[in-house]
Protein backbone atom coordinates (compact mmCIF):
# COMPACT_ATOMS: atom_id res chain seq x y z
CA UNK A 1 -29.32 -95.68 -37.21
CA UNK A 2 -25.92 -94.04 -36.78
CA UNK A 3 -25.74 -90.30 -36.90
CA UNK A 4 -23.32 -88.68 -39.33
CA UNK A 5 -20.94 -86.72 -37.13
CA UNK A 6 -19.99 -84.41 -39.99
CA UNK A 7 -23.49 -82.92 -39.83
CA UNK A 8 -23.08 -82.53 -36.10
CA UNK A 9 -19.89 -80.51 -36.57
CA UNK A 10 -21.30 -78.49 -39.47
CA UNK A 11 -24.39 -77.46 -37.48
CA UNK A 12 -22.29 -76.36 -34.52
CA UNK A 13 -19.99 -74.40 -36.83
CA UNK A 14 -23.01 -72.65 -38.36
CA UNK A 15 -24.22 -71.68 -34.91
CA UNK A 16 -20.81 -70.30 -33.97
CA UNK A 17 -20.34 -68.46 -37.26
CA UNK A 18 -23.58 -66.50 -37.14
CA UNK A 19 -23.67 -65.80 -33.40
CA UNK A 20 -25.07 -62.28 -32.82
CA UNK A 21 -23.54 -59.99 -30.22
CA UNK A 22 -26.71 -60.08 -28.11
CA UNK A 23 -27.01 -63.86 -28.38
CA UNK A 24 -29.56 -66.07 -30.08
CA UNK A 25 -33.28 -66.10 -29.40
CA UNK A 26 -33.94 -69.86 -29.47
CA UNK A 27 -37.51 -70.67 -30.52
CA UNK A 28 -38.23 -73.81 -28.51
CA UNK A 29 -41.30 -76.02 -28.94
CA UNK A 30 -40.27 -79.19 -27.11
CA UNK A 31 -40.50 -81.25 -30.31
CA UNK A 32 -37.70 -83.48 -31.59
CA UNK A 33 -36.15 -80.83 -33.85
CA UNK A 34 -36.07 -78.10 -31.23
CA UNK A 35 -34.55 -80.32 -28.55
CA UNK A 36 -31.75 -81.20 -30.98
CA UNK A 37 -31.17 -77.54 -31.83
CA UNK A 38 -31.09 -76.54 -28.16
CA UNK A 39 -28.55 -79.28 -27.46
CA UNK A 40 -26.40 -78.09 -30.38
CA UNK A 41 -26.60 -74.48 -29.18
CA UNK A 42 -25.43 -75.52 -25.73
CA UNK A 43 -22.55 -77.52 -27.20
CA UNK A 44 -21.56 -74.59 -29.41
CA UNK A 45 -20.98 -72.51 -26.29
CA UNK A 46 -22.69 -69.43 -27.72
CA UNK A 47 -24.80 -66.87 -25.90
CA UNK A 48 -28.54 -67.56 -26.08
CA UNK A 49 -31.90 -67.41 -24.35
CA UNK A 50 -34.59 -69.98 -25.11
CA UNK A 51 -38.33 -69.30 -25.23
CA UNK A 52 -41.41 -71.53 -25.34
CA UNK A 53 -44.58 -69.79 -26.49
CA UNK A 54 -47.52 -71.23 -24.59
CA UNK A 55 -50.34 -71.90 -27.05
CA UNK A 56 -52.77 -73.39 -24.53
CA UNK A 57 -53.51 -76.21 -26.97
CA UNK A 58 -50.27 -78.18 -26.88
CA UNK A 59 -50.53 -81.80 -25.65
CA UNK A 60 -50.35 -81.94 -21.83
CA UNK A 61 -47.60 -84.55 -22.09
CA UNK A 62 -45.49 -82.12 -24.12
CA UNK A 63 -46.07 -79.28 -21.65
CA UNK A 64 -45.06 -81.52 -18.74
CA UNK A 65 -41.97 -82.68 -20.63
CA UNK A 66 -40.81 -79.08 -21.15
CA UNK A 67 -41.42 -78.19 -17.50
CA UNK A 68 -39.53 -81.24 -16.30
CA UNK A 69 -36.61 -81.41 -18.74
CA UNK A 70 -36.15 -77.75 -19.68
CA UNK A 71 -36.99 -75.54 -16.70
CA UNK A 72 -34.45 -72.99 -17.98
CA UNK A 73 -36.60 -72.21 -21.03
CA UNK A 74 -38.68 -69.05 -20.59
CA UNK A 75 -42.41 -69.67 -20.89
CA UNK A 76 -44.10 -66.88 -22.86
CA UNK A 77 -47.85 -66.37 -22.56
CA UNK A 78 -49.78 -64.88 -25.50
CA UNK A 79 -52.23 -62.01 -25.16
CA UNK A 80 -55.09 -64.18 -26.37
CA UNK A 81 -56.17 -67.81 -26.70
CA UNK A 82 -57.05 -70.04 -29.62
CA UNK A 83 -60.66 -70.20 -28.47
CA UNK A 84 -61.06 -66.44 -28.03
CA UNK A 85 -59.58 -65.90 -31.48
CA UNK A 86 -61.96 -68.40 -33.10
CA UNK A 87 -64.85 -66.27 -31.84
CA UNK A 88 -63.15 -63.04 -32.92
CA UNK A 89 -62.16 -64.32 -36.38
CA UNK A 90 -65.57 -65.91 -37.04
CA UNK A 91 -63.93 -69.07 -38.37
CA UNK A 92 -61.44 -71.66 -37.11
CA UNK A 93 -57.88 -71.50 -38.49
CA UNK A 94 -57.35 -73.18 -41.85
CA UNK A 95 -54.36 -74.61 -43.65
CA UNK A 96 -53.80 -71.46 -45.69
CA UNK A 97 -55.22 -69.04 -43.14
CA UNK A 98 -53.29 -69.93 -40.00
CA UNK A 99 -53.91 -66.79 -38.01
CA UNK A 100 -53.31 -68.99 -34.95
CA UNK A 101 -49.54 -69.10 -35.55
CA UNK A 102 -49.35 -65.31 -35.78
CA UNK A 103 -51.41 -64.79 -32.64
CA UNK A 104 -49.95 -67.55 -30.46
CA UNK A 105 -46.41 -68.35 -31.62
CA UNK A 106 -44.66 -65.84 -33.84
CA UNK A 107 -44.59 -62.68 -31.76
CA UNK A 108 -41.25 -63.22 -30.07
CA UNK A 109 -37.73 -62.41 -31.18
CA UNK A 110 -38.30 -58.94 -32.66
CA UNK A 111 -34.98 -57.36 -33.53
CA UNK A 112 -33.13 -60.60 -32.73
CA UNK A 113 -31.54 -63.49 -34.60
CA UNK A 114 -33.92 -66.36 -34.02
CA UNK A 115 -32.60 -69.90 -34.19
CA UNK A 116 -35.06 -72.68 -35.06
CA UNK A 117 -35.26 -76.39 -35.88
CA UNK A 118 -36.90 -75.90 -39.28
CA UNK A 119 -35.85 -78.56 -41.81
CA UNK A 120 -36.39 -78.88 -45.56
CA UNK A 121 -37.49 -82.51 -45.16
CA UNK A 122 -40.54 -81.53 -43.12
CA UNK A 123 -42.72 -80.38 -46.03
CA UNK A 124 -42.70 -79.14 -49.63
CA UNK A 125 -43.18 -75.59 -48.37
CA UNK A 126 -40.23 -75.81 -46.00
CA UNK A 127 -38.08 -77.37 -48.72
CA UNK A 128 -37.86 -73.84 -50.17
CA UNK A 129 -36.51 -72.33 -46.96
CA UNK A 130 -32.90 -71.16 -46.63
CA UNK A 131 -30.47 -71.54 -43.76
CA UNK A 132 -30.30 -67.76 -43.23
CA UNK A 133 -33.47 -65.73 -43.72
CA UNK A 134 -34.99 -62.37 -42.91
CA UNK A 135 -38.49 -62.33 -41.46
CA UNK A 136 -40.97 -61.53 -44.22
CA UNK A 137 -43.34 -59.87 -41.76
CA UNK A 138 -41.69 -56.54 -41.05
CA UNK A 139 -38.08 -57.71 -41.35
CA UNK A 140 -37.25 -56.89 -37.72
CA UNK A 141 -35.72 -60.29 -37.05
CA UNK A 142 -33.53 -62.77 -38.88
CA UNK A 143 -33.51 -66.55 -38.75
CA UNK A 144 -30.85 -69.22 -38.61
CA UNK A 145 -31.93 -72.81 -39.28
CA UNK A 146 -28.73 -74.79 -38.52
CA UNK A 147 -30.23 -78.25 -39.16
CA UNK A 148 -32.19 -77.28 -42.26
CA UNK A 149 -30.59 -80.08 -44.31
CA UNK A 150 -31.06 -82.85 -41.73
CA UNK A 151 -33.33 -85.85 -42.33
CA UNK A 152 -35.63 -87.51 -39.79
CA UNK A 153 -32.99 -90.23 -39.53
CA UNK A 154 -30.37 -87.63 -38.66
CA UNK A 155 -32.59 -86.23 -35.92
CA UNK A 156 -33.31 -89.58 -34.27
CA UNK A 157 -29.73 -90.74 -34.74
CA UNK A 158 -28.52 -87.64 -32.88
CA UNK A 159 -31.09 -88.06 -30.10
CA UNK A 160 -30.11 -91.68 -29.53
CA UNK A 161 -26.36 -91.19 -29.71
CA UNK A 162 -26.44 -88.13 -27.46
CA UNK A 163 -29.16 -89.64 -25.23
CA UNK A 164 -31.21 -86.45 -25.48
CA UNK A 165 -34.47 -86.75 -23.47
CA UNK A 166 -37.60 -86.47 -25.63
CA UNK A 167 -41.36 -86.39 -25.12
CA UNK A 168 -42.92 -89.83 -24.62
CA UNK A 169 -45.63 -89.15 -27.21
CA UNK A 170 -43.13 -90.12 -29.92
CA UNK A 171 -43.03 -93.62 -28.41
CA UNK A 172 -46.82 -93.75 -28.74
CA UNK A 173 -46.62 -93.36 -32.52
CA UNK A 174 -46.84 -89.57 -32.87
CA UNK A 175 -44.48 -88.34 -35.59
CA UNK A 176 -44.99 -84.62 -34.99
CA UNK A 177 -45.92 -82.67 -31.88
CA UNK A 178 -47.69 -79.34 -31.91
CA UNK A 179 -51.06 -77.77 -31.36
CA UNK A 180 -53.83 -80.29 -30.84
CA UNK A 181 -55.93 -80.65 -34.02
CA UNK A 182 -53.68 -78.28 -35.99
CA UNK A 183 -55.11 -77.62 -39.49
CA UNK A 184 -51.70 -78.47 -41.00
CA UNK A 185 -52.05 -82.10 -39.85
CA UNK A 186 -53.89 -84.75 -41.84
CA UNK A 187 -57.55 -85.49 -41.18
CA UNK A 188 -56.59 -88.88 -39.75
CA UNK A 189 -54.09 -87.30 -37.37
CA UNK A 190 -56.53 -84.61 -36.24
CA UNK A 191 -59.26 -87.16 -35.50
CA UNK A 192 -56.73 -89.25 -33.59
CA UNK A 193 -55.85 -86.19 -31.50
CA UNK A 194 -59.53 -85.37 -30.90
CA UNK A 195 -60.01 -88.88 -29.50
CA UNK A 196 -56.73 -88.77 -27.54
CA UNK A 197 -57.56 -85.46 -25.83
CA UNK A 198 -61.40 -85.22 -25.65
CA UNK A 199 -61.26 -82.27 -23.26
CA UNK A 200 -59.69 -80.13 -25.98
CA UNK A 201 -62.26 -81.42 -28.48
CA UNK A 202 -64.99 -80.13 -26.18
CA UNK A 203 -63.23 -76.78 -25.78
CA UNK A 204 -63.18 -76.38 -29.56
CA UNK A 205 -66.90 -77.26 -29.73
CA UNK A 206 -67.68 -74.66 -27.07
CA UNK A 207 -65.70 -72.06 -29.02
CA UNK A 208 -67.59 -72.94 -32.20
CA UNK A 209 -70.90 -72.50 -30.36
CA UNK A 210 -69.87 -69.04 -29.17
CA UNK A 211 -68.51 -68.21 -32.63
CA UNK A 212 -71.87 -69.03 -34.25
CA UNK A 213 -73.70 -66.93 -31.66
CA UNK A 214 -71.34 -64.00 -32.22
CA UNK A 215 -71.91 -64.24 -35.98
CA UNK A 216 -75.67 -64.35 -35.52
CA UNK A 217 -75.61 -61.39 -33.12
CA UNK A 218 -73.60 -59.42 -35.70
CA UNK A 219 -76.12 -60.25 -38.44
CA UNK A 220 -73.70 -62.40 -40.40
CA UNK A 221 -75.08 -65.23 -42.51
CA UNK A 222 -73.71 -68.76 -42.15
CA UNK A 223 -74.71 -72.15 -43.50
CA UNK A 224 -73.50 -73.88 -40.34
CA UNK A 225 -76.37 -75.06 -38.15
CA UNK A 226 -74.43 -76.27 -35.12
CA UNK A 227 -71.02 -76.45 -33.48
CA UNK A 228 -70.87 -80.14 -34.41
CA UNK A 229 -71.38 -79.25 -38.07
CA UNK A 230 -68.53 -76.72 -37.88
CA UNK A 231 -66.32 -79.37 -36.28
CA UNK A 232 -67.02 -81.97 -38.96
CA UNK A 233 -66.40 -79.41 -41.72
CA UNK A 234 -63.15 -78.36 -40.07
CA UNK A 235 -61.82 -81.86 -39.39
CA UNK A 236 -62.82 -83.27 -42.78
CA UNK A 237 -60.51 -80.95 -44.67
CA UNK A 238 -63.36 -79.65 -46.85
CA UNK A 239 -62.39 -76.16 -45.77
CA UNK A 240 -58.87 -76.69 -47.05
CA UNK A 241 -60.02 -78.05 -50.42
CA UNK A 242 -62.44 -75.18 -50.89
CA UNK A 243 -59.67 -72.71 -50.15
CA UNK A 244 -57.22 -74.34 -52.54
CA UNK A 245 -59.85 -74.46 -55.26
CA UNK A 246 -60.55 -70.77 -54.78
CA UNK A 247 -64.15 -71.37 -53.76
CA UNK A 248 -66.06 -69.30 -51.23
CA UNK A 249 -65.96 -70.72 -47.71
CA UNK A 250 -69.08 -71.91 -45.94
CA UNK A 251 -70.17 -68.54 -44.68
CA UNK A 252 -70.89 -65.10 -46.09
CA UNK A 253 -71.27 -61.68 -44.52
CA UNK A 254 -74.25 -59.38 -45.09
């Protein structure tokens, strides 16, 4: 598929127009959208610094790709881990309670103009996003999404025409790359990831075991009987449906 060069020029012009005096904070994930944005930023000739927030649960292939192809990107380590937070929160992250993003990904860029690869075509929620936005959590940073109106076809057309290196997982049938077993993914995708990376599946189970023990030690009531039961509940999407329906989740506190 051929890429429409007018979108190419428009995106670069957007990046140039809104360039801040201190340069952009590029939020880089290594996925197809962020590699396109980083390439556009470089072509625009603007001042920037790029940052990859290490979640600890990204696919190993993605982590290796970033190390190999983008050594210039700063690697930012969070103050916690997904597994420690599961124990602390007393519940794994859910579709509408994604404390994981806040704890592991969204801390950077305070007081800066953050440039991202967010696109309207990604989801119904993102279809409401605007090209220029102010952070809703404190308002200390602003966002520019220069490819917000691009389609998947635009992204892959750009990658192929510009010969931009990308993570090999896309060639294995993955359509999105991010945290392994992310609650925003479909049940089918999450089970596929659990089978693809069994070591991470076991790490989640171990965290669920410790979470249940911490709840019991604190005198909190739960209907879960085992880590495996928590895992099945989490992967099945029952948690998400209960949330959306406004029902009480599968645990209560004394």
